[in-house]
Amino acid sequence: MDFKKMPLIPILLGVLLLSLVLWKVFFGNAVVAPDEKISPSASVNNDPSDVKEEALTEDDAAIQQQLDQDREHQKQTKELRVKLEQINLELEQEKALAEIDKLKKDNAGAFSDPMPEGQNNLPEIKIDYIGGSDSSHEAIISIGGASYQVKVNSSPTDNIQVTAISDSSVTLHFSGPVALTKTFDFKPE
């Protein structure tokens, strides 16, 4: 082997690194300043496992702290998600109620609740047909231009209920702030 051709610097660096590792293994972290004296009663910790355990416990504590922070963040995220779902459900409920109110208004046609002073604000109601047997009469009525086939105790709209049907008339009950019951006569054309 020709040593002249081998690079000297990498070999020296390798020997230096090896000597540092051996120094660390045999003498540990005990470095004394030249002016300090080492007392015979002072114990030097040359056990590398103790150093590793201290480092591990510090690392474990840091990891545990990070895990605790992550759990707290996840908990807060979950709480916010639940609140968001509740708000979305409330909004959907409000939309559904608004849609129901709109449908009630559309279904009522021209009908608005009776006035408290006794003036009626009733829709145009016309009896188009009464038929059936004596025990079960049926009728076709027009409320605000919309036709409904009804029987006793049926409700063509949310605020109108059929209370009675005779051979010549239909009695309707109007619900609202002031309840009103009115009989409409059948006038064949």
C-alpha atoms as a PDB file:
ATOM      1  CA  MET A   1       0.000   0.000   0.000  1.00  0.00           C
ATOM      2  CA  ASP A   2       1.357   3.381  -0.972  1.00  0.00           C
ATOM      3  CA  PHE A   3       0.746   5.962   1.761  1.00  0.00           C
ATOM      4  CA  LYS A   4       1.946   8.849  -0.338  1.00  0.00           C
ATOM      5  CA  LYS A   5      -1.051   8.553  -2.641  1.00  0.00           C
ATOM      6  CA  MET A   6      -3.627   8.318   0.148  1.00  0.00           C
ATOM      7  CA  PRO A   7      -5.150  11.603   1.192  1.00  0.00           C
ATOM      8  CA  LEU A   8      -3.899  12.478   4.629  1.00  0.00           C
ATOM      9  CA  ILE A   9      -6.672  14.882   5.720  1.00  0.00           C
ATOM     10  CA  PRO A  10      -9.573  12.374   5.723  1.00  0.00           C
ATOM     11  CA  ILE A  11      -7.465   9.890   7.678  1.00  0.00           C
ATOM     12  CA  LEU A  12      -6.544  12.514  10.266  1.00  0.00           C
ATOM     13  CA  LEU A  13     -10.183  13.614  10.570  1.00  0.00           C
ATOM     14  CA  GLY A  14     -11.258  10.005  11.098  1.00  0.00           C
ATOM     15  CA  VAL A  15      -8.608   9.486  13.822  1.00  0.00           C
ATOM     16  CA  LEU A  16      -9.613  12.764  15.487  1.00  0.00           C
ATOM     17  CA  LEU A  17     -13.295  11.806  15.451  1.00  0.00           C
ATOM     18  CA  LEU A  18     -12.497   8.374  16.872  1.00  0.00           C
ATOM     19  CA  SER A  19     -10.408   9.908  19.644  1.00  0.00           C
ATOM     20  CA  LEU A  20     -13.236  12.337  20.542  1.00  0.00           C
ATOM     21  CA  VAL A  21     -15.722   9.497  20.755  1.00  0.00           C
ATOM     22  CA  LEU A  22     -13.372   7.454  22.951  1.00  0.00           C
ATOM     23  CA  TRP A  23     -12.691  10.488  25.139  1.00  0.00           C
ATOM     24  CA  LYS A  24     -16.457  11.015  25.582  1.00  0.00           C
ATOM     25  CA  VAL A  25     -17.003   7.357  26.447  1.00  0.00           C
ATOM     26  CA  PHE A  26     -14.200   7.134  29.004  1.00  0.00           C
ATOM     27  CA  PHE A  27     -14.310  10.558  30.585  1.00  0.00           C
ATOM     28  CA  GLY A  28     -17.955  11.576  30.009  1.00  0.00           C
ATOM     29  CA  ASN A  29     -19.012  15.163  30.514  1.00  0.00           C
ATOM     30  CA  ALA A  30     -16.688  15.860  33.432  1.00  0.00           C
ATOM     31  CA  VAL A  31     -14.680  18.829  32.282  1.00  0.00           C
ATOM     32  CA  VAL A  32     -12.870  20.787  34.968  1.00  0.00           C
ATOM     33  CA  ALA A  33     -11.460  24.230  34.552  1.00  0.00           C
ATOM     34  CA  PRO A  34      -7.743  24.390  35.267  1.00  0.00           C
ATOM     35  CA  ASP A  35      -8.184  26.563  38.374  1.00  0.00           C
ATOM     36  CA  GLU A  36     -10.868  24.287  39.918  1.00  0.00           C
ATOM     37  CA  LYS A  37      -9.961  21.496  42.235  1.00  0.00           C
ATOM     38  CA  ILE A  38     -11.803  18.238  42.293  1.00  0.00           C
ATOM     39  CA  SER A  39     -12.696  17.133  45.774  1.00  0.00           C
ATOM     40  CA  PRO A  40     -12.489  13.450  46.527  1.00  0.00           C
ATOM     41  CA  SER A  41     -16.065  13.477  47.877  1.00  0.00           C
ATOM     42  CA  ALA A  42     -17.493  14.965  44.666  1.00  0.00           C
ATOM     43  CA  SER A  43     -18.974  12.341  42.476  1.00  0.00           C
ATOM     44  CA  VAL A  44     -18.639  12.598  38.756  1.00  0.00           C
ATOM     45  CA  ASN A  45     -21.467  11.223  36.678  1.00  0.00           C
ATOM     46  CA  ASN A  46     -19.730   9.115  34.082  1.00  0.00           C
ATOM     47  CA  ASP A  47     -22.756   6.932  33.340  1.00  0.00           C
ATOM     48  CA  PRO A  48     -23.988   7.831  29.837  1.00  0.00           C
ATOM     49  CA  SER A  49     -27.334   6.107  30.483  1.00  0.00           C
ATOM     50  CA  ASP A  50     -28.215   8.760  33.104  1.00  0.00           C
ATOM     51  CA  VAL A  51     -27.584  11.501  30.557  1.00  0.00           C
ATOM     52  CA  LYS A  52     -29.711   9.664  28.019  1.00  0.00           C
ATOM     53  CA  GLU A  53     -32.528   9.193  30.562  1.00  0.00           C
ATOM     54  CA  GLU A  54     -32.505  12.909  31.416  1.00  0.00           C
ATOM     55  CA  ALA A  55     -32.609  13.798  27.742  1.00  0.00           C
ATOM     56  CA  LEU A  56     -35.373  11.273  27.168  1.00  0.00           C
ATOM     57  CA  THR A  57     -37.469  12.599  30.049  1.00  0.00           C
ATOM     58  CA  GLU A  58     -37.090  16.156  28.742  1.00  0.00           C
ATOM     59  CA  ASP A  59     -38.008  14.964  25.244  1.00  0.00           C
ATOM     60  CA  ASP A  60     -40.911  12.915  26.646  1.00  0.00           C
ATOM     61  CA  ALA A  61     -42.166  15.942  28.556  1.00  0.00           C
ATOM     62  CA  ALA A  62     -41.978  18.090  25.425  1.00  0.00           C
ATOM     63  CA  ILE A  63     -43.752  15.424  23.370  1.00  0.00           C
ATOM     64  CA  GLN A  64     -46.401  14.992  26.083  1.00  0.00           C
ATOM     65  CA  GLN A  65     -46.939  18.742  26.191  1.00  0.00           C
ATOM     66  CA  GLN A  66     -47.325  18.844  22.409  1.00  0.00           C
ATOM     67  CA  LEU A  67     -49.787  15.926  22.538  1.00  0.00           C
ATOM     68  CA  ASP A  68     -51.801  17.714  25.238  1.00  0.00           C
ATOM     69  CA  GLN A  69     -51.899  20.855  23.093  1.00  0.00           C
ATOM     70  CA  ASP A  70     -53.005  18.810  20.085  1.00  0.00           C
ATOM     71  CA  ARG A  71     -55.779  17.153  22.126  1.00  0.00           C
ATOM     72  CA  GLU A  72     -56.978  20.531  23.382  1.00  0.00           C
ATOM     73  CA  HIS A  73     -56.973  21.879  19.831  1.00  0.00           C
ATOM     74  CA  GLN A  74     -58.939  18.849  18.621  1.00  0.00           C
ATOM     75  CA  LYS A  75     -61.419  19.307  21.476  1.00  0.00           C
ATOM     76  CA  GLN A  76     -61.920  22.969  20.578  1.00  0.00           C
ATOM     77  CA  THR A  77     -62.308  22.057  16.900  1.00  0.00           C
ATOM     78  CA  LYS A  78     -64.922  19.447  17.782  1.00  0.00           C
ATOM     79  CA  GLU A  79     -66.841  21.928  19.968  1.00  0.00           C
ATOM     80  CA  LEU A  80     -66.798  24.498  17.169  1.00  0.00           C
ATOM     81  CA  ARG A  81     -67.967  21.875  14.674  1.00  0.00           C
ATOM     82  CA  VAL A  82     -70.886  20.940  16.970  1.00  0.00           C
ATOM     83  CA  LYS A  83     -71.817  24.626  17.371  1.00  0.00           C
ATOM     84  CA  LEU A  84     -71.674  25.088  13.596  1.00  0.00           C
ATOM     85  CA  GLU A  85     -73.959  22.086  13.065  1.00  0.00           C
ATOM     86  CA  GLN A  86     -76.415  23.480  15.633  1.00  0.00           C
ATOM     87  CA  ILE A  87     -76.423  26.861  13.916  1.00  0.00           C
ATOM     88  CA  ASN A  88     -76.949  25.186  10.532  1.00  0.00           C
ATOM     89  CA  LEU A  89     -79.875  23.195  11.951  1.00  0.00           C
ATOM     90  CA  GLU A  90     -81.394  26.367  13.416  1.00  0.00           C
ATOM     91  CA  LEU A  91     -81.043  28.115  10.058  1.00  0.00           C
ATOM     92  CA  GLU A  92     -82.644  25.190   8.255  1.00  0.00           C
ATOM     93  CA  GLN A  93     -85.493  25.215  10.779  1.00  0.00           C
ATOM     94  CA  GLU A  94     -86.017  28.947  10.265  1.00  0.00           C
ATOM     95  CA  LYS A  95     -86.039  28.431   6.489  1.00  0.00           C
ATOM     96  CA  ALA A  96     -88.552  25.589   6.843  1.00  0.00           C
ATOM     97  CA  LEU A  97     -90.807  27.725   9.063  1.00  0.00           C
ATOM     98  CA  ALA A  98     -90.612  30.591   6.593  1.00  0.00           C
ATOM     99  CA  GLU A  99     -91.493  28.195   3.762  1.00  0.00           C
ATOM    100  CA  ILE A 100     -94.429  26.818   5.796  1.00  0.00           C
ATOM    101  CA  ASP A 101     -95.685  30.346   6.459  1.00  0.00           C
ATOM    102  CA  LYS A 102     -95.367  31.167   2.766  1.00  0.00           C
ATOM    103  CA  LEU A 103     -97.276  28.002   1.817  1.00  0.00           C
ATOM    104  CA  LYS A 104     -99.980  28.813   4.376  1.00  0.00           C
ATOM    105  CA  LYS A 105    -100.414  32.244   2.835  1.00  0.00           C
ATOM    106  CA  ASP A 106    -100.476  30.812  -0.679  1.00  0.00           C
ATOM    107  CA  ASN A 107    -102.888  28.059   0.381  1.00  0.00           C
ATOM    108  CA  ALA A 108    -105.241  30.480   2.086  1.00  0.00           C
ATOM    109  CA  GLY A 109    -105.815  32.343  -1.157  1.00  0.00           C
ATOM    110  CA  ALA A 110    -107.592  35.620  -0.514  1.00  0.00           C
ATOM    111  CA  PHE A 111    -108.541  34.633   3.028  1.00  0.00           C
ATOM    112  CA  SER A 112    -107.218  36.654   5.884  1.00  0.00           C
ATOM    113  CA  ASP A 113    -108.252  36.305   9.495  1.00  0.00           C
ATOM    114  CA  PRO A 114    -111.567  37.854  10.536  1.00  0.00           C
ATOM    115  CA  MET A 115    -111.321  41.340  11.883  1.00  0.00           C
ATOM    116  CA  PRO A 116    -111.862  41.691  15.630  1.00  0.00           C
ATOM    117  CA  GLU A 117    -114.543  44.350  15.158  1.00  0.00           C
ATOM    118  CA  GLY A 118    -116.822  41.786  13.545  1.00  0.00           C
ATOM    119  CA  GLN A 119    -116.097  42.776   9.969  1.00  0.00           C
ATOM    120  CA  ASN A 120    -115.344  39.753   7.885  1.00  0.00           C
ATOM    121  CA  ASN A 121    -112.464  39.659   5.529  1.00  0.00           C
ATOM    122  CA  LEU A 122    -113.429  36.277   4.066  1.00  0.00           C
ATOM    123  CA  PRO A 123    -112.382  34.930   0.693  1.00  0.00           C
ATOM    124  CA  GLU A 124    -114.911  34.368  -2.050  1.00  0.00           C
ATOM    125  CA  ILE A 125    -116.509  31.009  -1.205  1.00  0.00           C
ATOM    126  CA  LYS A 126    -118.876  29.252  -3.573  1.00  0.00           C
ATOM    127  CA  ILE A 127    -120.531  25.849  -3.211  1.00  0.00           C
ATOM    128  CA  ASP A 128    -120.187  24.083  -6.580  1.00  0.00           C
ATOM    129  CA  TYR A 129    -121.683  20.685  -5.734  1.00  0.00           C
ATOM    130  CA  ILE A 130    -123.248  18.737  -2.841  1.00  0.00           C
ATOM    131  CA  GLY A 131    -123.803  15.014  -3.134  1.00  0.00           C
ATOM    132  CA  GLY A 132    -123.462  11.668  -1.440  1.00  0.00           C
ATOM    133  CA  SER A 133    -125.823   9.730   0.776  1.00  0.00           C
ATOM    134  CA  ASP A 134    -127.746  11.001   3.790  1.00  0.00           C
ATOM    135  CA  SER A 135    -125.107   9.571   6.136  1.00  0.00           C
ATOM    136  CA  SER A 136    -122.033  10.915   4.319  1.00  0.00           C
ATOM    137  CA  HIS A 137    -122.349  14.066   2.295  1.00  0.00           C
ATOM    138  CA  GLU A 138    -119.573  15.363   0.102  1.00  0.00           C
ATOM    139  CA  ALA A 139    -119.168  18.757  -1.493  1.00  0.00           C
ATOM    140  CA  ILE A 140    -117.016  20.638  -3.939  1.00  0.00           C
ATOM    141  CA  ILE A 141    -116.329  24.193  -2.817  1.00  0.00           C
ATOM    142  CA  SER A 142    -114.334  27.055  -4.345  1.00  0.00           C
ATOM    143  CA  ILE A 143    -112.261  29.139  -1.967  1.00  0.00           C
ATOM    144  CA  GLY A 144    -110.661  32.150  -3.583  1.00  0.00           C
ATOM    145  CA  GLY A 145    -110.913  30.490  -6.996  1.00  0.00           C
ATOM    146  CA  ALA A 146    -109.373  27.140  -5.968  1.00  0.00           C
ATOM    147  CA  SER A 147    -111.677  24.084  -5.900  1.00  0.00           C
ATOM    148  CA  TYR A 148    -111.636  21.549  -3.055  1.00  0.00           C
ATOM    149  CA  GLN A 149    -113.511  18.274  -2.614  1.00  0.00           C
ATOM    150  CA  VAL A 150    -114.484  18.092   1.078  1.00  0.00           C
ATOM    151  CA  LYS A 151    -116.266  15.964   3.651  1.00  0.00           C
ATOM    152  CA  VAL A 152    -117.322  16.749   7.215  1.00  0.00           C
ATOM    153  CA  ASN A 153    -114.295  17.488   9.477  1.00  0.00           C
ATOM    154  CA  SER A 154    -111.948  17.933   6.512  1.00  0.00           C
ATOM    155  CA  SER A 155    -109.777  21.026   6.162  1.00  0.00           C
ATOM    156  CA  PRO A 156    -109.335  22.400   2.649  1.00  0.00           C
ATOM    157  CA  THR A 157    -106.863  24.967   4.038  1.00  0.00           C
ATOM    158  CA  ASP A 158    -105.032  25.325   7.336  1.00  0.00           C
ATOM    159  CA  ASN A 159    -107.483  27.877   8.714  1.00  0.00           C
ATOM    160  CA  ILE A 160    -110.795  26.534   7.319  1.00  0.00           C
ATOM    161  CA  GLN A 161    -112.560  23.370   8.506  1.00  0.00           C
ATOM    162  CA  VAL A 162    -115.798  21.863   7.214  1.00  0.00           C
ATOM    163  CA  THR A 163    -118.101  21.343  10.226  1.00  0.00           C
ATOM    164  CA  ALA A 164    -121.314  20.244   8.483  1.00  0.00           C
ATOM    165  CA  ILE A 165    -122.714  19.403   5.043  1.00  0.00           C
ATOM    166  CA  SER A 166    -126.438  19.244   4.404  1.00  0.00           C
ATOM    167  CA  ASP A 167    -128.426  18.801   1.189  1.00  0.00           C
ATOM    168  CA  SER A 168    -128.490  22.565   0.629  1.00  0.00           C
ATOM    169  CA  SER A 169    -125.551  24.108   2.516  1.00  0.00           C
ATOM    170  CA  VAL A 170    -122.002  23.728   3.832  1.00  0.00           C
ATOM    171  CA  THR A 171    -120.938  25.095   7.213  1.00  0.00           C
ATOM    172  CA  LEU A 172    -117.320  26.216   7.507  1.00  0.00           C
ATOM    173  CA  HIS A 173    -115.351  27.172  10.603  1.00  0.00           C
ATOM    174  CA  PHE A 174    -112.663  29.838  10.167  1.00  0.00           C
ATOM    175  CA  SER A 175    -109.860  29.787  12.750  1.00  0.00           C
ATOM    176  CA  GLY A 176    -107.767  32.781  13.598  1.00  0.00           C
ATOM    177  CA  PRO A 177    -107.584  35.424  16.313  1.00  0.00           C
ATOM    178  CA  VAL A 178    -111.394  35.559  16.216  1.00  0.00           C
ATOM    179  CA  ALA A 179    -113.013  32.217  15.391  1.00  0.00           C
ATOM    180  CA  LEU A 180    -115.965  32.371  13.026  1.00  0.00           C
ATOM    181  CA  THR A 181    -118.425  29.747  11.788  1.00  0.00           C
ATOM    182  CA  LYS A 182    -120.498  30.531   8.716  1.00  0.00           C
ATOM    183  CA  THR A 183    -122.971  28.551   6.568  1.00  0.00           C
ATOM    184  CA  PHE A 184    -122.869  28.873   2.788  1.00  0.00           C
ATOM    185  CA  ASP A 185    -125.912  27.892   0.727  1.00  0.00           C
ATOM    186  CA  PHE A 186    -125.707  25.762  -2.391  1.00  0.00           C
ATOM    187  CA  LYS A 187    -127.152  27.619  -5.377  1.00  0.00           C
ATOM    188  CA  PRO A 188    -127.255  25.345  -8.412  1.00  0.00           C
ATOM    189  CA  GLU A 189    -126.840  27.216 -11.679  1.00  0.00           C
END
